[in-house]
N, C-alpha and C. Protein backbone atom coordinates (compact mmCIF):
# COMPACT_ATOMS: atom_id res chain seq x y z
N MET A 1 122.46 -62.41 -47.48
CA MET A 1 121.96 -61.18 -47.48
C MET A 1 120.52 -61.74 -46.28
N ASN A 2 120.98 -61.09 -44.81
CA ASN A 2 119.80 -61.28 -44.34
C ASN A 2 119.32 -60.25 -43.62
N ILE A 3 117.91 -60.13 -43.94
CA ILE A 3 116.63 -59.08 -44.19
C ILE A 3 115.70 -59.39 -42.84
N LEU A 4 115.75 -58.01 -41.87
CA LEU A 4 114.70 -58.24 -40.75
C LEU A 4 113.48 -57.26 -41.25
N PHE A 5 112.29 -57.74 -41.31
CA PHE A 5 111.07 -57.58 -41.23
C PHE A 5 110.24 -56.76 -39.83
N LEU A 6 109.84 -55.67 -39.77
CA LEU A 6 109.85 -54.74 -38.49
C LEU A 6 108.80 -54.16 -38.66
N CYS A 7 107.79 -54.22 -37.38
CA CYS A 7 106.58 -53.54 -37.20
C CYS A 7 106.34 -54.08 -35.55
N THR A 8 105.65 -53.10 -34.93
CA THR A 8 105.25 -53.04 -33.87
C THR A 8 105.08 -54.61 -32.83
N GLY A 9 104.20 -54.93 -33.26
CA GLY A 9 103.52 -56.17 -32.41
C GLY A 9 103.88 -57.62 -32.89
N ASN A 10 105.05 -57.45 -33.93
CA ASN A 10 105.29 -58.69 -34.93
C ASN A 10 103.74 -60.14 -34.76
N SER A 11 103.23 -59.54 -35.36
CA SER A 11 102.15 -60.41 -35.21
C SER A 11 101.06 -60.72 -36.27
N ALA A 12 101.69 -59.94 -37.26
CA ALA A 12 100.60 -59.88 -38.62
C ALA A 12 101.53 -59.13 -39.87
N ARG A 13 101.75 -58.28 -40.35
CA ARG A 13 102.27 -57.96 -41.57
C ARG A 13 103.91 -58.17 -41.45
N SER A 14 104.74 -58.16 -40.39
CA SER A 14 106.33 -58.57 -40.87
C SER A 14 106.42 -60.08 -40.72
N ILE A 15 105.28 -60.71 -39.90
CA ILE A 15 104.94 -62.20 -40.10
C ILE A 15 104.94 -62.74 -41.50
N ILE A 16 103.85 -62.15 -42.23
CA ILE A 16 103.67 -62.16 -43.03
C ILE A 16 104.87 -62.09 -44.28
N ALA A 17 105.17 -60.97 -44.28
CA ALA A 17 106.67 -60.40 -44.93
C ALA A 17 107.86 -61.49 -45.09
N GLU A 18 108.12 -61.98 -43.86
CA GLU A 18 109.33 -63.08 -43.32
C GLU A 18 108.71 -63.83 -44.32
N ALA A 19 108.04 -64.37 -44.26
CA ALA A 19 107.16 -65.61 -44.85
C ALA A 19 107.13 -66.10 -46.14
N ILE A 20 106.79 -64.78 -46.59
CA ILE A 20 106.56 -64.80 -48.10
C ILE A 20 108.21 -64.40 -48.49
N TYR A 21 109.11 -63.91 -48.56
CA TYR A 21 110.43 -63.61 -48.79
C TYR A 21 110.66 -64.66 -48.28
N ASN A 22 111.13 -65.54 -47.55
CA ASN A 22 111.66 -66.59 -47.15
C ASN A 22 111.04 -67.71 -48.49
N HIS A 23 109.49 -67.69 -48.74
CA HIS A 23 109.49 -68.68 -50.03
C HIS A 23 109.92 -68.27 -51.43
N VAL A 24 109.69 -66.90 -51.51
CA VAL A 24 110.72 -66.48 -52.56
C VAL A 24 111.70 -66.99 -52.89
N HIS A 25 112.61 -66.96 -52.01
CA HIS A 25 114.23 -66.89 -51.68
C HIS A 25 114.59 -68.36 -51.36
N LYS A 26 113.65 -69.47 -51.50
CA LYS A 26 114.07 -70.49 -50.90
C LYS A 26 114.79 -71.18 -51.97
N GLN A 27 114.65 -71.20 -53.04
CA GLN A 27 115.49 -72.21 -53.75
C GLN A 27 116.80 -71.24 -54.06
N HIS A 28 117.13 -69.89 -53.86
CA HIS A 28 118.68 -69.26 -53.74
C HIS A 28 119.23 -69.38 -52.62
N GLY A 29 118.72 -69.48 -51.58
CA GLY A 29 120.03 -69.92 -50.03
C GLY A 29 120.67 -69.13 -49.93
N TYR A 30 120.71 -67.84 -50.46
CA TYR A 30 121.56 -67.08 -49.99
C TYR A 30 121.17 -65.24 -49.15
N SER A 31 119.62 -65.67 -49.13
CA SER A 31 119.15 -64.46 -48.46
C SER A 31 118.11 -65.33 -47.89
N HIS A 32 118.00 -64.37 -46.12
CA HIS A 32 117.36 -64.98 -45.71
C HIS A 32 116.48 -63.90 -44.66
N ALA A 33 115.18 -63.94 -44.39
CA ALA A 33 114.53 -63.01 -43.62
C ALA A 33 114.10 -63.30 -42.38
N PHE A 34 114.17 -62.46 -41.73
CA PHE A 34 113.51 -63.01 -40.02
C PHE A 34 112.43 -61.52 -39.81
N SER A 35 111.50 -61.99 -38.99
CA SER A 35 110.67 -60.86 -38.51
C SER A 35 111.17 -60.39 -36.71
N ALA A 36 110.43 -59.40 -36.76
CA ALA A 36 110.14 -59.01 -34.66
C ALA A 36 109.62 -57.67 -34.55
N GLY A 37 108.97 -57.56 -33.34
CA GLY A 37 108.69 -56.52 -33.18
C GLY A 37 109.10 -55.60 -32.83
N SER A 38 109.16 -54.33 -32.26
CA SER A 38 108.91 -53.65 -30.90
C SER A 38 108.67 -53.49 -29.79
N LYS A 39 107.50 -53.75 -30.10
CA LYS A 39 106.50 -54.66 -28.63
C LYS A 39 105.73 -55.41 -29.02
N PRO A 40 106.76 -56.75 -29.21
CA PRO A 40 105.64 -57.94 -29.43
C PRO A 40 104.61 -58.43 -28.79
N SER A 41 103.40 -58.84 -29.76
CA SER A 41 102.46 -58.98 -28.76
C SER A 41 102.81 -60.65 -28.41
N GLY A 42 103.58 -61.13 -28.89
CA GLY A 42 103.70 -63.00 -27.82
C GLY A 42 102.91 -63.51 -29.17
N LYS A 43 102.03 -63.42 -29.88
CA LYS A 43 101.49 -64.22 -30.48
C LYS A 43 101.15 -63.76 -32.14
N VAL A 44 100.89 -64.61 -32.60
CA VAL A 44 100.43 -64.57 -34.40
C VAL A 44 99.30 -63.99 -34.22
N ASN A 45 98.44 -63.53 -35.43
CA ASN A 45 97.35 -63.18 -35.76
C ASN A 45 96.52 -64.36 -35.99
N PRO A 46 95.47 -64.55 -36.05
CA PRO A 46 94.83 -65.88 -36.61
C PRO A 46 94.47 -65.37 -37.91
N PHE A 47 94.39 -64.48 -38.09
CA PHE A 47 93.82 -64.02 -39.75
C PHE A 47 95.22 -63.95 -40.52
N ALA A 48 96.55 -63.49 -39.71
CA ALA A 48 97.51 -63.86 -40.48
C ALA A 48 98.04 -65.53 -40.60
N ARG A 49 97.71 -65.93 -39.58
CA ARG A 49 97.83 -67.47 -40.15
C ARG A 49 97.34 -68.13 -40.98
N SER A 50 96.21 -67.73 -41.41
CA SER A 50 94.97 -68.25 -42.09
C SER A 50 95.45 -67.90 -43.32
N VAL A 51 95.98 -66.47 -43.74
CA VAL A 51 96.16 -66.04 -45.05
C VAL A 51 97.25 -66.33 -45.45
N LEU A 52 98.16 -66.90 -44.44
CA LEU A 52 99.81 -67.62 -44.82
C LEU A 52 99.22 -68.87 -45.40
N GLN A 53 98.56 -69.81 -44.74
CA GLN A 53 98.08 -71.27 -44.74
C GLN A 53 97.39 -71.44 -46.42
N LYS A 54 96.55 -70.27 -46.47
CA LYS A 54 95.82 -69.99 -48.03
C LYS A 54 96.64 -70.08 -49.05
N HIS A 55 97.92 -69.76 -48.85
CA HIS A 55 99.04 -69.30 -49.85
C HIS A 55 99.61 -70.40 -49.98
N GLY A 56 99.75 -71.42 -49.02
CA GLY A 56 100.51 -72.67 -49.36
C GLY A 56 102.10 -72.25 -47.90
N HIS A 57 102.07 -71.55 -47.21
CA HIS A 57 102.87 -71.09 -46.39
C HIS A 57 103.05 -72.15 -45.04
N SER A 58 103.50 -72.86 -44.29
CA SER A 58 104.01 -73.35 -43.49
C SER A 58 103.95 -72.64 -42.27
N VAL A 59 102.98 -72.94 -41.01
CA VAL A 59 102.95 -71.81 -40.53
C VAL A 59 103.25 -72.61 -38.96
N GLU A 60 103.94 -73.67 -38.90
CA GLU A 60 104.34 -74.49 -38.18
C GLU A 60 105.50 -73.59 -36.92
N ASP A 61 106.38 -73.29 -37.46
CA ASP A 61 107.72 -72.11 -36.76
C ASP A 61 107.63 -70.65 -36.75
N VAL A 62 106.12 -69.95 -36.83
CA VAL A 62 105.95 -68.99 -37.15
C VAL A 62 105.48 -68.49 -35.73
N ARG A 63 106.33 -67.67 -34.94
CA ARG A 63 105.67 -67.08 -33.88
C ARG A 63 106.46 -65.73 -33.78
N SER A 64 105.88 -65.03 -32.07
CA SER A 64 106.47 -63.20 -32.25
C SER A 64 107.57 -63.55 -31.58
N LYS A 65 108.39 -62.52 -31.87
CA LYS A 65 109.84 -62.09 -31.77
C LYS A 65 109.94 -60.90 -31.63
N ASN A 66 110.99 -60.76 -30.52
CA ASN A 66 111.19 -59.25 -30.03
C ASN A 66 112.35 -59.06 -30.63
N VAL A 67 112.64 -57.87 -31.15
CA VAL A 67 113.49 -57.03 -31.70
C VAL A 67 115.37 -57.34 -30.89
N ASP A 68 114.91 -57.34 -29.70
CA ASP A 68 115.87 -57.81 -28.90
C ASP A 68 116.64 -59.01 -29.44
N GLU A 69 116.00 -59.38 -29.84
CA GLU A 69 117.07 -60.97 -30.15
C GLU A 69 117.58 -60.94 -31.39
N PHE A 70 117.82 -60.26 -32.12
CA PHE A 70 118.76 -59.73 -33.21
C PHE A 70 119.63 -58.71 -32.72
N MET A 71 119.60 -58.08 -31.40
CA MET A 71 120.71 -57.26 -30.94
C MET A 71 121.47 -58.31 -30.30
N GLN A 72 121.47 -59.53 -30.11
CA GLN A 72 122.26 -60.00 -28.89
C GLN A 72 123.90 -60.74 -29.87
N ASP A 73 124.44 -61.39 -28.99
CA ASP A 73 126.07 -61.73 -29.54
C ASP A 73 125.24 -63.03 -30.34
N GLY A 74 125.89 -63.12 -31.04
CA GLY A 74 125.66 -64.45 -31.71
C GLY A 74 124.51 -64.19 -32.65
N ALA A 75 123.98 -63.44 -32.69
CA ALA A 75 122.13 -63.09 -33.70
C ALA A 75 122.71 -62.63 -35.36
N PRO A 76 121.66 -63.13 -35.98
CA PRO A 76 122.80 -63.42 -37.22
C PRO A 76 122.92 -61.62 -37.79
N VAL A 77 123.92 -61.19 -38.23
CA VAL A 77 123.99 -59.80 -38.89
C VAL A 77 122.97 -59.70 -39.77
N ILE A 78 122.36 -58.54 -39.74
CA ILE A 78 121.10 -57.95 -40.82
C ILE A 78 121.86 -56.88 -41.45
N ASP A 79 121.05 -57.24 -42.75
CA ASP A 79 121.48 -56.19 -43.72
C ASP A 79 120.79 -55.08 -44.39
N LEU A 80 119.33 -55.51 -44.21
CA LEU A 80 118.50 -54.75 -44.43
C LEU A 80 117.10 -54.96 -43.75
N VAL A 81 117.01 -53.69 -42.72
CA VAL A 81 116.03 -53.44 -41.85
C VAL A 81 114.66 -52.84 -42.86
N ILE A 82 113.21 -53.14 -43.02
CA ILE A 82 112.26 -53.06 -43.48
C ILE A 82 111.01 -52.66 -42.53
N SER A 83 110.81 -51.56 -41.80
CA SER A 83 109.81 -51.55 -41.12
C SER A 83 108.63 -51.54 -42.24
N VAL A 84 107.62 -52.19 -41.10
CA VAL A 84 106.22 -52.41 -41.99
C VAL A 84 104.99 -52.03 -41.51
N CYS A 85 105.59 -50.78 -40.61
CA CYS A 85 104.39 -49.86 -39.95
C CYS A 85 104.92 -48.57 -39.46
N ASP A 86 104.40 -47.47 -39.18
CA ASP A 86 105.21 -46.27 -39.00
C ASP A 86 105.38 -45.96 -37.29
N SER A 87 104.76 -46.86 -36.74
CA SER A 87 104.92 -47.08 -34.96
C SER A 87 106.48 -47.89 -35.09
N ALA A 88 106.83 -48.79 -35.98
CA ALA A 88 107.61 -49.57 -35.16
C ALA A 88 109.20 -48.32 -36.20
N ALA A 89 108.83 -47.90 -37.56
CA ALA A 89 110.04 -47.21 -37.88
C ALA A 89 110.16 -45.61 -36.95
N ASN A 90 109.29 -45.78 -35.89
CA ASN A 90 109.68 -44.43 -35.06
C ASN A 90 109.97 -44.62 -33.50
N ASP A 91 109.89 -46.02 -33.39
CA ASP A 91 110.37 -46.57 -32.42
C ASP A 91 111.63 -47.14 -32.54
N CYS A 92 112.27 -47.75 -33.29
CA CYS A 92 113.36 -48.18 -33.81
C CYS A 92 114.19 -47.37 -35.24
N PRO A 93 114.45 -45.87 -34.64
CA PRO A 93 115.02 -45.18 -35.49
C PRO A 93 116.48 -45.60 -35.74
N VAL A 94 117.34 -46.20 -34.53
CA VAL A 94 118.59 -46.36 -34.58
C VAL A 94 119.04 -47.91 -34.44
N TRP A 95 119.67 -48.79 -35.04
CA TRP A 95 119.79 -50.30 -35.15
C TRP A 95 121.12 -50.39 -33.93
N LEU A 96 120.57 -51.35 -32.91
CA LEU A 96 121.29 -51.33 -32.07
C LEU A 96 122.49 -52.55 -32.24
N GLY A 97 122.10 -53.59 -33.41
CA GLY A 97 122.46 -54.80 -33.32
C GLY A 97 123.97 -54.46 -34.42
N GLN A 98 124.19 -55.86 -34.88
CA GLN A 98 125.37 -56.51 -35.33
C GLN A 98 125.17 -55.67 -36.72
N GLY A 99 126.48 -55.34 -37.68
CA GLY A 99 126.22 -54.74 -38.77
C GLY A 99 125.70 -53.28 -38.50
N ASN A 100 125.70 -52.34 -40.34
CA ASN A 100 125.05 -51.34 -40.74
C ASN A 100 123.99 -51.58 -41.28
N PRO A 101 122.67 -52.68 -41.52
CA PRO A 101 121.77 -51.95 -42.41
C PRO A 101 121.62 -51.03 -42.55
N GLU A 102 121.19 -51.36 -43.91
CA GLU A 102 119.91 -50.51 -45.11
C GLU A 102 118.62 -50.39 -44.08
N ARG A 103 118.18 -49.50 -44.44
CA ARG A 103 116.64 -49.19 -43.66
C ARG A 103 115.50 -48.78 -44.73
N LEU A 104 114.74 -49.57 -44.96
CA LEU A 104 113.54 -49.35 -46.04
C LEU A 104 112.28 -48.75 -44.86
N HIS A 105 111.14 -48.10 -45.62
CA HIS A 105 110.34 -48.19 -44.73
C HIS A 105 108.87 -48.65 -46.00
N TRP A 106 108.17 -49.48 -45.43
CA TRP A 106 106.65 -50.07 -46.05
C TRP A 106 105.94 -49.25 -45.47
N PRO A 107 105.00 -48.34 -45.79
CA PRO A 107 103.33 -48.11 -44.24
C PRO A 107 102.84 -48.55 -44.70
N LEU A 108 102.37 -49.89 -44.06
CA LEU A 108 100.97 -50.63 -44.54
C LEU A 108 100.28 -50.48 -43.25
N PRO A 109 98.85 -50.56 -43.81
CA PRO A 109 97.61 -50.35 -42.67
C PRO A 109 97.86 -51.60 -41.96
N ASP A 110 97.26 -51.10 -40.59
CA ASP A 110 97.26 -52.46 -39.58
C ASP A 110 95.62 -53.20 -40.37
N PRO A 111 96.03 -54.50 -40.43
CA PRO A 111 94.84 -55.13 -41.35
C PRO A 111 93.79 -55.50 -40.08
N LYS A 112 92.79 -55.65 -39.95
CA LYS A 112 91.42 -55.85 -39.02
C LYS A 112 91.09 -56.79 -39.65
N THR A 113 90.96 -57.15 -40.79
CA THR A 113 89.60 -58.19 -41.10
C THR A 113 90.35 -59.42 -42.16
N GLU A 114 89.46 -60.25 -42.62
CA GLU A 114 90.63 -61.53 -43.12
C GLU A 114 90.43 -60.73 -44.45
N ASP A 115 89.43 -59.77 -44.94
CA ASP A 115 90.04 -58.96 -46.48
C ASP A 115 90.91 -58.30 -46.23
N ASP A 116 91.75 -57.59 -45.37
CA ASP A 116 92.50 -56.49 -44.96
C ASP A 116 94.12 -57.47 -45.13
N PHE A 117 93.83 -58.55 -44.80
CA PHE A 117 94.95 -59.60 -44.23
C PHE A 117 95.46 -59.87 -46.07
N GLU A 118 94.15 -60.41 -46.75
CA GLU A 118 94.51 -61.05 -47.89
C GLU A 118 95.40 -59.61 -48.68
N GLU A 119 94.93 -58.51 -48.61
CA GLU A 119 95.48 -57.21 -49.32
C GLU A 119 96.76 -57.01 -48.88
N ILE A 120 97.00 -57.06 -47.40
CA ILE A 120 98.40 -56.57 -47.08
C ILE A 120 99.21 -58.21 -47.95
N TYR A 121 98.95 -59.17 -47.60
CA TYR A 121 99.36 -60.38 -48.47
C TYR A 121 100.27 -59.99 -49.61
N LEU A 122 99.23 -59.41 -50.46
CA LEU A 122 99.31 -59.50 -52.19
C LEU A 122 100.54 -57.73 -52.16
N SER A 123 100.11 -56.82 -51.78
CA SER A 123 100.95 -55.60 -51.12
C SER A 123 102.15 -56.04 -50.89
N LEU A 124 102.55 -56.54 -50.12
CA LEU A 124 103.74 -57.18 -49.44
C LEU A 124 104.07 -58.31 -50.60
N LYS A 125 104.07 -59.20 -51.05
CA LYS A 125 103.99 -60.05 -52.05
C LYS A 125 104.30 -58.99 -53.27
N GLU A 126 103.95 -58.44 -53.66
CA GLU A 126 104.28 -57.36 -54.64
C GLU A 126 105.48 -56.72 -54.52
N LYS A 127 105.71 -56.14 -53.22
CA LYS A 127 106.68 -55.51 -52.83
C LYS A 127 108.18 -56.47 -52.63
N ILE A 128 108.03 -57.49 -52.37
CA ILE A 128 109.11 -58.59 -52.29
C ILE A 128 109.73 -58.70 -53.79
N VAL A 129 108.35 -59.22 -54.16
CA VAL A 129 109.38 -59.62 -56.06
C VAL A 129 109.90 -58.78 -56.42
N GLU A 130 109.32 -57.33 -56.30
CA GLU A 130 109.94 -56.16 -56.81
C GLU A 130 111.50 -56.34 -56.23
N ILE A 131 111.80 -56.21 -54.66
CA ILE A 131 113.32 -55.75 -54.61
C ILE A 131 113.97 -56.73 -54.83
N SER A 132 113.33 -57.71 -55.18
CA SER A 132 113.74 -59.49 -55.75
C SER A 132 114.78 -59.39 -57.26
N ARG A 133 114.00 -58.70 -58.17
CA ARG A 133 114.83 -58.63 -58.87
C ARG A 133 115.76 -57.67 -59.26
């Protein structure tokens, strides 16, 4: 099962969700998460990197990606798209990639401060653990 976490900039919320999901599921090997943005910033927010490192995640391969990467020939077939901001849910109402994924929307506020990023991390972890049961 492939999951795509989607937000506008792919600089914070979706990046954090991708890392958490892959960490939770690494021992299973049958499920993998990706992240992308409808209008990617091209860089990962330093607070996102920091909160991931704080919780033991590697940030070596973390990068901001355009959702178009997942709509190309040869891209992974996505089974579930989870938008984590209202803008991305509105910008990408129809999936143009391979497959016919289910859609979920987790409306999370745009984090600004280090404390906000910690709250987003904990909220995403709780949601991801819940859907993983």
